[in-house]
Amino acid sequence: LKQHLNVAGPETADVEALRLQVSELQQKVEQLQDENK
């Protein structure tokens, strides 16, 4: 029941924080790839 009640997913603030983190990490990856080249 607990597992299926959490289908809605994490809180909006958590999602936004994770999106920001993903964006920052994508930029870091691009920067490191350029530096590597």
Full PDB file with SEQRES, HELIX, SHEET, SSBOND, CRYST1, ORIGX, SCALE, CONECT and MASTER records, all heavy atoms in Angstrom:
SEQRES   1 A   37  LEU LYS GLN HIS LEU ASN VAL ALA GLY PRO GLU THR ALA          
SEQRES   2 A   37  ASP VAL GLU ALA LEU ARG LEU GLN VAL SER GLU LEU GLN          
SEQRES   3 A   37  GLN LYS VAL GLU GLN LEU GLN ASP GLU ASN LYS                  
HELIX    1 AA1 LYS A    2  LEU A    5  1                                   4    
HELIX    2 AA2 ASN A    6  ALA A    8  5                                   3    
HELIX    3 AA3 THR A   12  ASN A   36  1                                  25    
CRYST1    1.000    1.000    1.000  90.00  90.00  90.00 P 1           1          
ORIGX1      1.000000  0.000000  0.000000        0.00000                         
ORIGX2      0.000000  1.000000  0.000000        0.00000                         
ORIGX3      0.000000  0.000000  1.000000        0.00000                         
SCALE1      1.000000  0.000000  0.000000        0.00000                         
SCALE2      0.000000  1.000000  0.000000        0.00000                         
SCALE3      0.000000  0.000000  1.000000        0.00000                         
ATOM      1  N   LEU A   1       0.829  -1.205   0.000  1.00  0.00           N  
ATOM      2  CA  LEU A   1       0.000   0.000   0.000  1.00  0.00           C  
ATOM      3  C   LEU A   1       0.862   1.254   0.000  1.00  0.00           C  
ATOM      4  O   LEU A   1       0.607   2.194  -0.766  1.00  0.00           O  
ATOM      5  CB  LEU A   1      -0.929   0.013   1.218  1.00  0.00           C  
ATOM      6  CG  LEU A   1      -2.001  -1.071   1.265  1.00  0.00           C  
ATOM      7  CD1 LEU A   1      -2.751  -1.004   2.587  1.00  0.00           C  
ATOM      8  CD2 LEU A   1      -2.948  -0.949   0.102  1.00  0.00           C  
ATOM      9  N   LYS A   2       1.889   1.280   0.829  1.00  0.00           N  
ATOM     10  CA  LYS A   2       2.778   2.445   0.889  1.00  0.00           C  
ATOM     11  C   LYS A   2       3.437   2.691  -0.467  1.00  0.00           C  
ATOM     12  O   LYS A   2       3.526   3.823  -0.923  1.00  0.00           O  
ATOM     13  CB  LYS A   2       3.858   2.240   1.954  1.00  0.00           C  
ATOM     14  CG  LYS A   2       3.350   2.350   3.367  1.00  0.00           C  
ATOM     15  CD  LYS A   2       4.479   2.089   4.348  1.00  0.00           C  
ATOM     16  CE  LYS A   2       4.026   2.106   5.770  1.00  0.00           C  
ATOM     17  NZ  LYS A   2       5.129   1.802   6.712  1.00  0.00           N  
ATOM     18  N   GLN A   3       3.907   1.627  -1.077  1.00  0.00           N  
ATOM     19  CA  GLN A   3       4.577   1.749  -2.371  1.00  0.00           C  
ATOM     20  C   GLN A   3       3.625   2.314  -3.417  1.00  0.00           C  
ATOM     21  O   GLN A   3       3.996   3.188  -4.191  1.00  0.00           O  
ATOM     22  CB  GLN A   3       5.091   0.379  -2.814  1.00  0.00           C  
ATOM     23  CG  GLN A   3       5.802   0.403  -4.147  1.00  0.00           C  
ATOM     24  CD  GLN A   3       6.235  -0.992  -4.566  1.00  0.00           C  
ATOM     25  OE1 GLN A   3       5.976  -1.977  -3.882  1.00  0.00           O  
ATOM     26  NE2 GLN A   3       6.905  -1.081  -5.696  1.00  0.00           N  
ATOM     27  N   HIS A   4       2.405   1.855  -3.438  1.00  0.00           N  
ATOM     28  CA  HIS A   4       1.452   2.307  -4.437  1.00  0.00           C  
ATOM     29  C   HIS A   4       0.856   3.673  -4.116  1.00  0.00           C  
ATOM     30  O   HIS A   4       0.376   4.362  -5.003  1.00  0.00           O  
ATOM     31  CB  HIS A   4       0.365   1.255  -4.643  1.00  0.00           C  
ATOM     32  CG  HIS A   4       0.861   0.082  -5.435  1.00  0.00           C  
ATOM     33  ND1 HIS A   4       1.607  -0.922  -4.870  1.00  0.00           N  
ATOM     34  CD2 HIS A   4       0.760  -0.212  -6.742  1.00  0.00           C  
ATOM     35  CE1 HIS A   4       1.929  -1.797  -5.800  1.00  0.00           C  
ATOM     36  NE2 HIS A   4       1.432  -1.397  -6.945  1.00  0.00           N  
ATOM     37  N   LEU A   5       0.887   4.053  -2.873  1.00  0.00           N  
ATOM     38  CA  LEU A   5       0.425   5.391  -2.518  1.00  0.00           C  
ATOM     39  C   LEU A   5       1.442   6.451  -2.936  1.00  0.00           C  
ATOM     40  O   LEU A   5       1.083   7.591  -3.175  1.00  0.00           O  
ATOM     41  CB  LEU A   5       0.175   5.496  -1.009  1.00  0.00           C  
ATOM     42  CG  LEU A   5      -1.136   4.915  -0.531  1.00  0.00           C  
ATOM     43  CD1 LEU A   5      -1.187   4.921   0.997  1.00  0.00           C  
ATOM     44  CD2 LEU A   5      -2.316   5.681  -1.095  1.00  0.00           C  
ATOM     45  N   ASN A   6       2.699   6.081  -3.053  1.00  0.00           N  
ATOM     46  CA  ASN A   6       3.748   7.015  -3.435  1.00  0.00           C  
ATOM     47  C   ASN A   6       3.905   7.141  -4.945  1.00  0.00           C  
ATOM     48  O   ASN A   6       4.909   7.642  -5.418  1.00  0.00           O  
ATOM     49  CB  ASN A   6       5.079   6.605  -2.807  1.00  0.00           C  
ATOM     50  CG  ASN A   6       5.086   6.806  -1.314  1.00  0.00           C  
ATOM     51  OD1 ASN A   6       4.411   7.695  -0.810  1.00  0.00           O  
ATOM     52  ND2 ASN A   6       5.832   5.997  -0.601  1.00  0.00           N  
ATOM     53  N   VAL A   7       2.912   6.695  -5.693  1.00  0.00           N  
ATOM     54  CA  VAL A   7       2.965   6.755  -7.146  1.00  0.00           C  
ATOM     55  C   VAL A   7       3.077   8.193  -7.634  1.00  0.00           C  
ATOM     56  O   VAL A   7       3.673   8.470  -8.653  1.00  0.00           O  
ATOM     57  CB  VAL A   7       1.723   6.063  -7.760  1.00  0.00           C  
ATOM     58  CG1 VAL A   7       1.618   6.307  -9.238  1.00  0.00           C  
ATOM     59  CG2 VAL A   7       1.787   4.574  -7.483  1.00  0.00           C  
ATOM     60  N   ALA A   8       2.538   9.131  -6.872  1.00  0.00           N  
ATOM     61  CA  ALA A   8       2.571  10.531  -7.287  1.00  0.00           C  
ATOM     62  C   ALA A   8       3.991  11.044  -7.405  1.00  0.00           C  
ATOM     63  O   ALA A   8       4.247  11.993  -8.134  1.00  0.00           O  
ATOM     64  CB  ALA A   8       1.780  11.385  -6.303  1.00  0.00           C  
ATOM     65  N   GLY A   9       4.930  10.428  -6.721  1.00  0.00           N  
ATOM     66  CA  GLY A   9       6.313  10.824  -6.826  1.00  0.00           C  
ATOM     67  C   GLY A   9       6.728  11.792  -5.742  1.00  0.00           C  
ATOM     68  O   GLY A   9       5.962  12.103  -4.844  1.00  0.00           O  
ATOM     69  N   PRO A  10       7.934  12.276  -5.876  1.00  0.00           N  
ATOM     70  CA  PRO A  10       8.467  13.173  -4.853  1.00  0.00           C  
ATOM     71  C   PRO A  10       7.801  14.541  -4.878  1.00  0.00           C  
ATOM     72  O   PRO A  10       7.114  14.893  -5.831  1.00  0.00           O  
ATOM     73  CB  PRO A  10       9.944  13.275  -5.218  1.00  0.00           C  
ATOM     74  CG  PRO A  10      10.026  12.914  -6.648  1.00  0.00           C  
ATOM     75  CD  PRO A  10       8.878  11.986  -6.928  1.00  0.00           C  
ATOM     76  N   GLU A  11       8.047  15.296  -3.843  1.00  0.00           N  
ATOM     77  CA  GLU A  11       7.504  16.640  -3.736  1.00  0.00           C  
ATOM     78  C   GLU A  11       8.040  17.518  -4.861  1.00  0.00           C  
ATOM     79  O   GLU A  11       9.122  17.296  -5.382  1.00  0.00           O  
ATOM     80  CB  GLU A  11       7.895  17.248  -2.384  1.00  0.00           C  
ATOM     81  CG  GLU A  11       7.292  16.541  -1.199  1.00  0.00           C  
ATOM     82  CD  GLU A  11       5.789  16.691  -1.139  1.00  0.00           C  
ATOM     83  OE1 GLU A  11       5.266  17.779  -1.425  1.00  0.00           O  
ATOM     84  OE2 GLU A  11       5.135  15.704  -0.793  1.00  0.00           O  
ATOM     85  N   THR A  12       7.293  18.528  -5.219  1.00  0.00           N  
ATOM     86  CA  THR A  12       7.669  19.440  -6.293  1.00  0.00           C  
ATOM     87  C   THR A  12       9.017  20.094  -6.016  1.00  0.00           C  
ATOM     88  O   THR A  12       9.842  20.236  -6.922  1.00  0.00           O  
ATOM     89  CB  THR A  12       6.587  20.519  -6.480  1.00  0.00           C  
ATOM     90  OG1 THR A  12       5.338  19.864  -6.691  1.00  0.00           O  
ATOM     91  CG2 THR A  12       6.883  21.407  -7.649  1.00  0.00           C  
ATOM     92  N   ALA A  13       9.266  20.482  -4.782  1.00  0.00           N  
ATOM     93  CA  ALA A  13      10.540  21.110  -4.433  1.00  0.00           C  
ATOM     94  C   ALA A  13      11.696  20.147  -4.677  1.00  0.00           C  
ATOM     95  O   ALA A  13      12.752  20.549  -5.171  1.00  0.00           O  
ATOM     96  CB  ALA A  13      10.511  21.569  -2.982  1.00  0.00           C  
ATOM     97  N   ASP A  14      11.492  18.870  -4.359  1.00  0.00           N  
ATOM     98  CA  ASP A  14      12.523  17.869  -4.600  1.00  0.00           C  
ATOM     99  C   ASP A  14      12.792  17.720  -6.081  1.00  0.00           C  
ATOM    100  O   ASP A  14      13.942  17.621  -6.519  1.00  0.00           O  
ATOM    101  CB  ASP A  14      12.112  16.511  -4.018  1.00  0.00           C  
ATOM    102  CG  ASP A  14      12.034  16.523  -2.502  1.00  0.00           C  
ATOM    103  OD1 ASP A  14      12.651  17.403  -1.875  1.00  0.00           O  
ATOM    104  OD2 ASP A  14      11.351  15.642  -1.945  1.00  0.00           O  
ATOM    105  N   VAL A  15      11.733  17.697  -6.866  1.00  0.00           N  
ATOM    106  CA  VAL A  15      11.870  17.559  -8.313  1.00  0.00           C  
ATOM    107  C   VAL A  15      12.633  18.748  -8.890  1.00  0.00           C  
ATOM    108  O   VAL A  15      13.536  18.585  -9.715  1.00  0.00           O  
ATOM    109  CB  VAL A  15      10.488  17.414  -8.993  1.00  0.00           C  
ATOM    110  CG1 VAL A  15      10.610  17.484 -10.498  1.00  0.00           C  
ATOM    111  CG2 VAL A  15       9.828  16.111  -8.570  1.00  0.00           C  
ATOM    112  N   GLU A  16      12.287  19.936  -8.454  1.00  0.00           N  
ATOM    113  CA  GLU A  16      12.971  21.137  -8.941  1.00  0.00           C  
ATOM    114  C   GLU A  16      14.447  21.115  -8.567  1.00  0.00           C  
ATOM    115  O   GLU A  16      15.307  21.458  -9.375  1.00  0.00           O  
ATOM    116  CB  GLU A  16      12.294  22.405  -8.410  1.00  0.00           C  
ATOM    117  CG  GLU A  16      10.968  22.698  -9.070  1.00  0.00           C  
ATOM    118  CD  GLU A  16      11.050  22.798 -10.585  1.00  0.00           C  
ATOM    119  OE1 GLU A  16      11.970  23.464 -11.110  1.00  0.00           O  
ATOM    120  OE2 GLU A  16      10.200  22.186 -11.260  1.00  0.00           O  
ATOM    121  N   ALA A  17      14.748  20.715  -7.354  1.00  0.00           N  
ATOM    122  CA  ALA A  17      16.143  20.634  -6.908  1.00  0.00           C  
ATOM    123  C   ALA A  17      16.910  19.619  -7.747  1.00  0.00           C  
ATOM    124  O   ALA A  17      18.051  19.871  -8.147  1.00  0.00           O  
ATOM    125  CB  ALA A  17      16.205  20.273  -5.431  1.00  0.00           C  
ATOM    126  N   LEU A  18      16.272  18.484  -8.030  1.00  0.00           N  
ATOM    127  CA  LEU A  18      16.924  17.460  -8.846  1.00  0.00           C  
ATOM    128  C   LEU A  18      17.113  17.928 -10.287  1.00  0.00           C  
ATOM    129  O   LEU A  18      18.144  17.657 -10.903  1.00  0.00           O  
ATOM    130  CB  LEU A  18      16.119  16.164  -8.803  1.00  0.00           C  
ATOM    131  CG  LEU A  18      16.157  15.421  -7.464  1.00  0.00           C  
ATOM    132  CD1 LEU A  18      15.166  14.257  -7.473  1.00  0.00           C  
ATOM    133  CD2 LEU A  18      17.551  14.941  -7.151  1.00  0.00           C  
ATOM    134  N   ARG A  19      16.148  18.649 -10.826  1.00  0.00           N  
ATOM    135  CA  ARG A  19      16.287  19.184 -12.189  1.00  0.00           C  
ATOM    136  C   ARG A  19      17.440  20.171 -12.261  1.00  0.00           C  
ATOM    137  O   ARG A  19      18.214  20.168 -13.224  1.00  0.00           O  
ATOM    138  CB  ARG A  19      14.990  19.848 -12.636  1.00  0.00           C  
ATOM    139  CG  ARG A  19      13.925  18.865 -13.009  1.00  0.00           C  
ATOM    140  CD  ARG A  19      12.698  19.546 -13.545  1.00  0.00           C  
ATOM    141  NE  ARG A  19      11.697  18.548 -13.891  1.00  0.00           N  
ATOM    142  CZ  ARG A  19      10.407  18.782 -13.949  1.00  0.00           C  
ATOM    143  NH1 ARG A  19       9.938  19.981 -13.698  1.00  0.00           N  
ATOM    144  NH2 ARG A  19       9.561  17.822 -14.256  1.00  0.00           N  
ATOM    145  N   LEU A  20      17.550  21.017 -11.261  1.00  0.00           N  
ATOM    146  CA  LEU A  20      18.642  21.975 -11.215  1.00  0.00           C  
ATOM    147  C   LEU A  20      19.979  21.251 -11.134  1.00  0.00           C  
ATOM    148  O   LEU A  20      20.931  21.602 -11.839  1.00  0.00           O  
ATOM    149  CB  LEU A  20      18.465  22.914 -10.016  1.00  0.00           C  
ATOM    150  CG  LEU A  20      19.540  23.973  -9.816  1.00  0.00           C  
ATOM    151  CD1 LEU A  20      19.598  24.922 -11.017  1.00  0.00           C  
ATOM    152  CD2 LEU A  20      19.285  24.754  -8.544  1.00  0.00           C  
ATOM    153  N   GLN A  21      20.034  20.230 -10.307  1.00  0.00           N  
ATOM    154  CA  GLN A  21      21.265  19.454 -10.165  1.00  0.00           C  
ATOM    155  C   GLN A  21      21.625  18.766 -11.477  1.00  0.00           C  
ATOM    156  O   GLN A  21      22.791  18.758 -11.888  1.00  0.00           O  
ATOM    157  CB  GLN A  21      21.109  18.426  -9.048  1.00  0.00           C  
ATOM    158  CG  GLN A  21      22.380  17.665  -8.741  1.00  0.00           C  
ATOM    159  CD  GLN A  21      22.194  16.680  -7.599  1.00  0.00           C  
ATOM    160  OE1 GLN A  21      21.079  16.410  -7.161  1.00  0.00           O  
ATOM    161  NE2 GLN A  21      23.293  16.125  -7.116  1.00  0.00           N  
ATOM    162  N   VAL A  22      20.654  18.213 -12.165  1.00  0.00           N  
ATOM    163  CA  VAL A  22      20.903  17.561 -13.449  1.00  0.00           C  
ATOM    164  C   VAL A  22      21.431  18.570 -14.462  1.00  0.00           C  
ATOM    165  O   VAL A  22      22.400  18.306 -15.184  1.00  0.00           O  
ATOM    166  CB  VAL A  22      19.617  16.871 -13.977  1.00  0.00           C  
ATOM    167  CG1 VAL A  22      19.755  16.505 -15.446  1.00  0.00           C  
ATOM    168  CG2 VAL A  22      19.289  15.645 -13.152  1.00  0.00           C  
ATOM    169  N   SER A  23      20.825  19.736 -14.496  1.00  0.00           N  
ATOM    170  CA  SER A  23      21.258  20.781 -15.414  1.00  0.00           C  
ATOM    171  C   SER A  23      22.706  21.188 -15.140  1.00  0.00           C  
ATOM    172  O   SER A  23      23.519  21.312 -16.055  1.00  0.00           O  
ATOM    173  CB  SER A  23      20.332  21.989 -15.299  1.00  0.00           C  
ATOM    174  OG  SER A  23      20.777  23.027 -16.119  1.00  0.00           O  
ATOM    175  N   GLU A  24      23.025  21.391 -13.862  1.00  0.00           N  
ATOM    176  CA  GLU A  24      24.391  21.758 -13.485  1.00  0.00           C  
ATOM    177  C   GLU A  24      25.380  20.661 -13.863  1.00  0.00           C  
ATOM    178  O   GLU A  24      26.473  20.950 -14.366  1.00  0.00           O  
ATOM    179  CB  GLU A  24      24.462  22.052 -11.984  1.00  0.00           C  
ATOM    180  CG  GLU A  24      23.743  23.316 -11.579  1.00  0.00           C  
ATOM    181  CD  GLU A  24      23.640  23.478 -10.070  1.00  0.00           C  
ATOM    182  OE1 GLU A  24      24.014  22.545  -9.312  1.00  0.00           O  
ATOM    183  OE2 GLU A  24      23.167  24.548  -9.640  1.00  0.00           O  
ATOM    184  N   LEU A  25      24.993  19.415 -13.631  1.00  0.00           N  
ATOM    185  CA  LEU A  25      25.888  18.302 -13.957  1.00  0.00           C  
ATOM    186  C   LEU A  25      26.066  18.146 -15.466  1.00  0.00           C  
ATOM    187  O   LEU A  25      27.155  17.801 -15.932  1.00  0.00           O  
ATOM    188  CB  LEU A  25      25.372  17.008 -13.326  1.00  0.00           C  
ATOM    189  CG  LEU A  25      25.481  16.944 -11.798  1.00  0.00           C  
ATOM    190  CD1 LEU A  25      24.776  15.711 -11.262  1.00  0.00           C  
ATOM    191  CD2 LEU A  25      26.924  16.980 -11.349  1.00  0.00           C  
ATOM    192  N   GLN A  26      25.016  18.416 -16.233  1.00  0.00           N  
ATOM    193  CA  GLN A  26      25.143  18.359 -17.690  1.00  0.00           C  
ATOM    194  C   GLN A  26      26.114  19.424 -18.182  1.00  0.00           C  
ATOM    195  O   GLN A  26      26.931  19.162 -19.072  1.00  0.00           O  
ATOM    196  CB  GLN A  26      23.778  18.536 -18.353  1.00  0.00           C  
ATOM    197  CG  GLN A  26      22.893  17.315 -18.241  1.00  0.00           C  
ATOM    198  CD  GLN A  26      21.482  17.548 -18.756  1.00  0.00           C  
ATOM    199  OE1 GLN A  26      20.993  18.673 -18.760  1.00  0.00           O  
ATOM    200  NE2 GLN A  26      20.827  16.468 -19.176  1.00  0.00           N  
ATOM    201  N   GLN A  27      26.040  20.612 -17.608  1.00  0.00           N  
ATOM    202  CA  GLN A  27      26.969  21.670 -17.984  1.00  0.00           C  
ATOM    203  C   GLN A  27      28.399  21.292 -17.617  1.00  0.00           C  
ATOM    204  O   GLN A  27      29.334  21.531 -18.389  1.00  0.00           O  
ATOM    205  CB  GLN A  27      26.586  22.992 -17.288  1.00  0.00           C  
ATOM    206  CG  GLN A  27      25.314  23.602 -17.822  1.00  0.00           C  
ATOM    207  CD  GLN A  27      24.890  24.834 -17.027  1.00  0.00           C  
ATOM    208  OE1 GLN A  27      25.504  25.185 -16.033  1.00  0.00           O  
ATOM    209  NE2 GLN A  27      23.818  25.484 -17.478  1.00  0.00           N  
ATOM    210  N   LYS A  28      28.574  20.677 -16.457  1.00  0.00           N  
ATOM    211  CA  LYS A  28      29.902  20.250 -16.009  1.00  0.00           C  
ATOM    212  C   LYS A  28      30.459  19.185 -16.951  1.00  0.00           C  
ATOM    213  O   LYS A  28      31.644  19.203 -17.301  1.00  0.00           O  
ATOM    214  CB  LYS A  28      29.814  19.719 -14.569  1.00  0.00           C  
ATOM    215  CG  LYS A  28      31.126  19.328 -13.973  1.00  0.00           C  
ATOM    216  CD  LYS A  28      31.975  20.532 -13.688  1.00  0.00           C  
ATOM    217  CE  LYS A  28      33.224  20.142 -12.922  1.00  0.00           C  
ATOM    218  NZ  LYS A  28      34.127  21.261 -12.707  1.00  0.00           N  
ATOM    219  N   VAL A  29      29.605  18.251 -17.367  1.00  0.00           N  
ATOM    220  CA  VAL A  29      30.040  17.205 -18.303  1.00  0.00           C  
ATOM    221  C   VAL A  29      30.493  17.839 -19.620  1.00  0.00           C  
ATOM    222  O   VAL A  29      31.554  17.484 -20.158  1.00  0.00           O  
ATOM    223  CB  VAL A  29      28.905  16.179 -18.543  1.00  0.00           C  
ATOM    224  CG1 VAL A  29      29.201  15.309 -19.754  1.00  0.00           C  
ATOM    225  CG2 VAL A  29      28.707  15.320 -17.312  1.00  0.00           C  
ATOM    226  N   GLU A  30      29.722  18.773 -20.144  1.00  0.00           N  
ATOM    227  CA  GLU A  30      30.100  19.452 -21.392  1.00  0.00           C  
ATOM    228  C   GLU A  30      31.422  20.179 -21.223  1.00  0.00           C  
ATOM    229  O   GLU A  30      32.291  20.125 -22.100  1.00  0.00           O  
ATOM    230  CB  GLU A  30      29.006  20.428 -21.820  1.00  0.00           C  
ATOM    231  CG  GLU A  30      27.747  19.753 -22.306  1.00  0.00           C  
ATOM    232  CD  GLU A  30      26.628  20.742 -22.612  1.00  0.00           C  
ATOM    233  OE1 GLU A  30      26.905  21.956 -22.714  1.00  0.00           O  
ATOM    234  OE2 GLU A  30      25.474  20.294 -22.748  1.00  0.00           O  
ATOM    235  N   GLN A  31      31.590  20.851 -20.093  1.00  0.00           N  
ATOM    236  CA  GLN A  31      32.827  21.575 -19.824  1.00  0.00           C  
ATOM    237  C   GLN A  31      34.020  20.611 -19.785  1.00  0.00           C  
ATOM    238  O   GLN A  31      35.072  20.880 -20.378  1.00  0.00           O  
ATOM    239  CB  GLN A  31      32.707  22.314 -18.491  1.00  0.00           C  
ATOM    240  CG  GLN A  31      33.970  23.013 -18.044  1.00  0.00           C  
ATOM    241  CD  GLN A  31      33.877  23.522 -16.615  1.00  0.00           C  
ATOM    242  OE1 GLN A  31      32.824  23.459 -15.993  1.00  0.00           O  
ATOM    243  NE2 GLN A  31      34.981  24.010 -16.096  1.00  0.00           N  
ATOM    244  N   LEU A  32      33.849  19.494 -19.097  1.00  0.00           N  
ATOM    245  CA  LEU A  32      34.923  18.519 -18.997  1.00  0.00           C  
ATOM    246  C   LEU A  32      35.219  17.857 -20.338  1.00  0.00           C  
ATOM    247  O   LEU A  32      36.389  17.560 -20.655  1.00  0.00           O  
ATOM    248  CB  LEU A  32      34.588  17.470 -17.935  1.00  0.00           C  
ATOM    249  CG  LEU A  32      34.595  17.973 -16.489  1.00  0.00           C  
ATOM    250  CD1 LEU A  32      34.057  16.905 -15.551  1.00  0.00           C  
ATOM    251  CD2 LEU A  32      35.983  18.420 -16.069  1.00  0.00           C  
ATOM    252  N   GLN A  33      34.196  17.633 -21.154  1.00  0.00           N  
ATOM    253  CA  GLN A  33      34.415  17.061 -22.484  1.00  0.00           C  
ATOM    254  C   GLN A  33      35.204  18.030 -23.353  1.00  0.00           C  
ATOM    255  O   GLN A  33      36.131  17.617 -24.072  1.00  0.00           O  
ATOM    256  CB  GLN A  33      33.076  16.712 -23.142  1.00  0.00           C  
ATOM    257  CG  GLN A  33      32.429  15.488 -22.551  1.00  0.00           C  
ATOM    258  CD  GLN A  33      31.029  15.217 -23.106  1.00  0.00           C  
ATOM    259  OE1 GLN A  33      30.354  16.129 -23.583  1.00  0.00           O  
ATOM    260  NE2 GLN A  33      30.595  13.969 -23.026  1.00  0.00           N  
ATOM    261  N   ASP A  34      34.862  19.325 -23.276  1.00  0.00           N  
ATOM    262  CA  ASP A  34      35.605  20.333 -24.030  1.00  0.00           C  
ATOM    263  C   ASP A  34      37.050  20.399 -23.557  1.00  0.00           C  
ATOM    264  O   ASP A  34      37.987  20.470 -24.371  1.00  0.00           O  
ATOM    265  CB  ASP A  34      34.943  21.710 -23.898  1.00  0.00           C  
ATOM    266  CG  ASP A  34      33.612  21.797 -24.611  1.00  0.00           C  
ATOM    267  OD1 ASP A  34      33.330  20.926 -25.469  1.00  0.00           O  
ATOM    268  OD2 ASP A  34      32.834  22.728 -24.297  1.00  0.00           O  
ATOM    269  N   GLU A  35      37.240  20.378 -22.257  1.00  0.00           N  
ATOM    270  CA  GLU A  35      38.588  20.416 -21.690  1.00  0.00           C  
ATOM    271  C   GLU A  35      39.385  19.187 -22.123  1.00  0.00           C  
ATOM    272  O   GLU A  35      40.569  19.283 -22.468  1.00  0.00           O  
ATOM    273  CB  GLU A  35      38.500  20.484 -20.167  1.00  0.00           C  
ATOM    274  CG  GLU A  35      39.835  20.605 -19.474  1.00  0.00           C  
ATOM    275  CD  GLU A  35      39.704  20.668 -17.964  1.00  0.00           C  
ATOM    276  OE1 GLU A  35      38.610  20.979 -17.452  1.00  0.00           O  
ATOM    277  OE2 GLU A  35      40.718  20.403 -17.289  1.00  0.00           O  
ATOM    278  N   ASN A  36      38.725  18.045 -22.132  1.00  0.00           N  
ATOM    279  CA  ASN A  36      39.374  16.804 -22.563  1.00  0.00           C  
ATOM    280  C   ASN A  36      39.828  16.911 -24.022  1.00  0.00           C  
ATOM    281  O   ASN A  36      40.939  16.520 -24.364  1.00  0.00           O  
ATOM    282  CB  ASN A  36      38.410  15.637 -22.369  1.00  0.00           C  
ATOM    283  CG  ASN A  36      39.081  14.291 -22.551  1.00  0.00           C  
ATOM    284  OD1 ASN A  36      40.250  14.195 -22.847  1.00  0.00           O  
ATOM    285  ND2 ASN A  36      38.299  13.237 -22.363  1.00  0.00           N  
ATOM    286  N   LYS A  37      38.967  17.449 -24.888  1.00  0.00           N  
ATOM    287  CA  LYS A  37      39.324  17.619 -26.304  1.00  0.00           C  
ATOM    288  C   LYS A  37      40.517  18.549 -26.460  1.00  0.00           C  
ATOM    289  O   LYS A  37      41.421  18.292 -27.242  1.00  0.00           O  
ATOM    290  CB  LYS A  37      38.131  18.169 -27.086  1.00  0.00           C  
ATOM    291  CG  LYS A  37      37.046  17.171 -27.352  1.00  0.00           C  
ATOM    292  CD  LYS A  37      35.894  17.817 -28.120  1.00  0.00           C  
ATOM    293  CE  LYS A  37      34.725  16.872 -28.260  1.00  0.00           C  
ATOM    294  NZ  LYS A  37      33.583  17.517 -28.947  1.00  0.00           N  
TER     295      LYS A  37                                                      
MASTER        0    0    0    3    0    0    0    6  294    1    0    3          
END                                                                             
